[in-house]
Amino acid sequence: MAKRDVWVRIGDKLVRGDTVVGVTVSDPPYHHETFKIMLKVTGHRDLLWLDSGVYDGQGAGREQVDALVDAFVDTLARGAGMPSGALIRFGSDEDAPSWVMSPLG
């Protein structure tokens, strides 16, 4: 898989997929805050984070965000398998946040 052709939009940053070395989920200190998806990226000292849009007070919120993290890994792998490469971004629809993949070229 040629991950060099996969780019990931994380907030205002655009990083290569092969530089993402870790993904985790924050534990919000208060129930009215959303879970954050935290990514460790080579070349960035601090974690880069995305707001999942999923609130802690929703009961199954943690499972929903864990599924988003799993989907990120799957989307990254699918993008790496595309001959033209891909751009991956987090599409935060109010009803169903998800990863959006667009082919390059």
Protein backbone atom coordinates (compact mmCIF):
# COMPACT_ATOMS: atom_id res chain seq x y z
CA MET A 1 0.00 0.00 0.00
CA ALA A 2 1.37 3.41 -0.95
CA LYS A 3 0.23 5.59 1.92
CA ARG A 4 2.36 8.43 0.56
CA ASP A 5 -0.58 9.14 -1.76
CA VAL A 6 -3.08 9.44 1.10
CA TRP A 7 -3.61 12.84 2.70
CA VAL A 8 -5.64 13.48 5.83
CA ARG A 9 -7.28 16.81 6.74
CA ILE A 10 -7.08 17.35 10.52
CA GLY A 11 -8.60 20.71 11.39
CA ASP A 12 -6.47 23.29 9.59
CA LYS A 13 -3.63 20.80 8.93
CA LEU A 14 -3.14 18.54 5.95
CA VAL A 15 -0.87 15.57 6.75
CA ARG A 16 0.27 12.50 4.87
CA GLY A 17 -1.45 9.29 5.92
CA ASP A 18 1.83 7.50 6.59
CA THR A 19 2.75 10.09 9.24
CA VAL A 20 -0.27 9.24 11.42
CA VAL A 21 1.23 6.96 14.06
CA GLY A 22 -1.54 6.83 16.65
CA VAL A 23 -5.23 7.56 17.19
CA THR A 24 -7.07 7.73 20.50
CA VAL A 25 -10.18 9.29 22.04
CA SER A 26 -10.25 11.87 24.83
CA ASP A 27 -12.31 11.50 27.98
CA PRO A 28 -14.35 14.69 28.35
CA PRO A 29 -14.23 16.02 31.91
CA TYR A 30 -17.86 17.18 31.77
CA HIS A 31 -20.97 15.56 30.28
CA HIS A 32 -21.78 18.61 28.15
CA GLU A 33 -18.47 18.36 26.23
CA THR A 34 -17.87 16.32 23.10
CA PHE A 35 -15.36 13.53 22.69
CA LYS A 36 -12.21 14.53 20.81
CA ILE A 37 -10.38 12.25 18.38
CA MET A 38 -6.67 12.72 19.04
CA LEU A 39 -4.07 11.87 16.39
CA LYS A 40 -0.32 11.60 16.91
CA VAL A 41 1.44 12.65 13.73
CA THR A 42 5.16 12.38 12.99
CA GLY A 43 6.69 15.85 12.82
CA HIS A 44 4.09 17.38 15.13
CA ARG A 45 5.08 17.71 18.77
CA ASP A 46 1.53 18.09 20.04
CA LEU A 47 -1.43 15.85 19.34
CA LEU A 48 -3.75 17.01 16.58
CA TRP A 49 -7.41 16.72 17.46
CA LEU A 50 -10.82 16.65 15.87
CA ASP A 51 -14.11 17.36 17.57
CA SER A 52 -16.25 14.24 17.04
CA GLY A 53 -19.52 16.05 17.69
CA VAL A 54 -20.55 13.20 20.01
CA TYR A 55 -21.41 14.19 23.58
CA ASP A 56 -20.43 12.20 26.64
CA GLY A 57 -23.94 12.42 28.04
CA GLN A 58 -25.44 10.40 25.19
CA GLY A 59 -24.89 7.05 26.92
CA ALA A 60 -23.35 5.10 24.05
CA GLY A 61 -21.20 8.06 23.04
CA ARG A 62 -17.89 6.35 23.76
CA GLU A 63 -18.78 3.34 21.62
CA GLN A 64 -19.87 5.64 18.79
CA VAL A 65 -16.57 7.54 18.85
CA ASP A 66 -14.54 4.32 19.11
CA ALA A 67 -16.37 3.17 15.96
CA LEU A 68 -15.34 6.44 14.25
CA VAL A 69 -11.70 5.74 15.15
CA ASP A 70 -11.99 2.21 13.75
CA ALA A 71 -13.57 3.64 10.60
CA PHE A 72 -10.63 6.05 10.26
CA VAL A 73 -8.16 3.15 10.17
CA ASP A 74 -10.33 1.34 7.60
CA THR A 75 -10.68 4.49 5.46
CA LEU A 76 -6.92 5.09 5.60
CA ALA A 77 -6.27 1.53 4.41
CA ARG A 78 -8.83 1.81 1.60
CA GLY A 79 -7.32 5.14 0.51
CA ALA A 80 -3.86 3.59 0.44
CA GLY A 81 -5.16 0.90 -1.89
CA MET A 82 -6.47 3.39 -4.45
CA PRO A 83 -4.20 3.75 -7.49
CA SER A 84 -4.65 7.53 -7.61
CA GLY A 85 -4.38 8.06 -3.83
CA ALA A 86 -6.98 9.80 -1.69
CA LEU A 87 -7.87 12.74 0.51
CA ILE A 88 -9.58 11.85 3.79
CA ARG A 89 -11.46 14.36 5.92
CA PHE A 90 -13.88 14.21 8.80
CA GLY A 91 -17.38 15.16 7.73
CA SER A 92 -19.28 16.24 10.80
CA ASP A 93 -22.92 15.92 9.86
CA GLU A 94 -25.14 16.62 12.87
CA ASP A 95 -26.84 13.23 12.57
CA ALA A 96 -23.93 11.01 11.58
CA PRO A 97 -20.32 12.19 11.70
CA SER A 98 -18.14 10.11 9.40
CA TRP A 99 -14.95 9.99 7.35
CA VAL A 100 -15.20 11.17 3.75
CA MET A 101 -12.70 9.88 1.19
CA SER A 102 -12.12 11.59 -2.16
CA PRO A 103 -9.87 10.08 -4.84
CA LEU A 104 -6.92 12.19 -6.01
CA GLY A 105 -6.30 12.88 -9.67
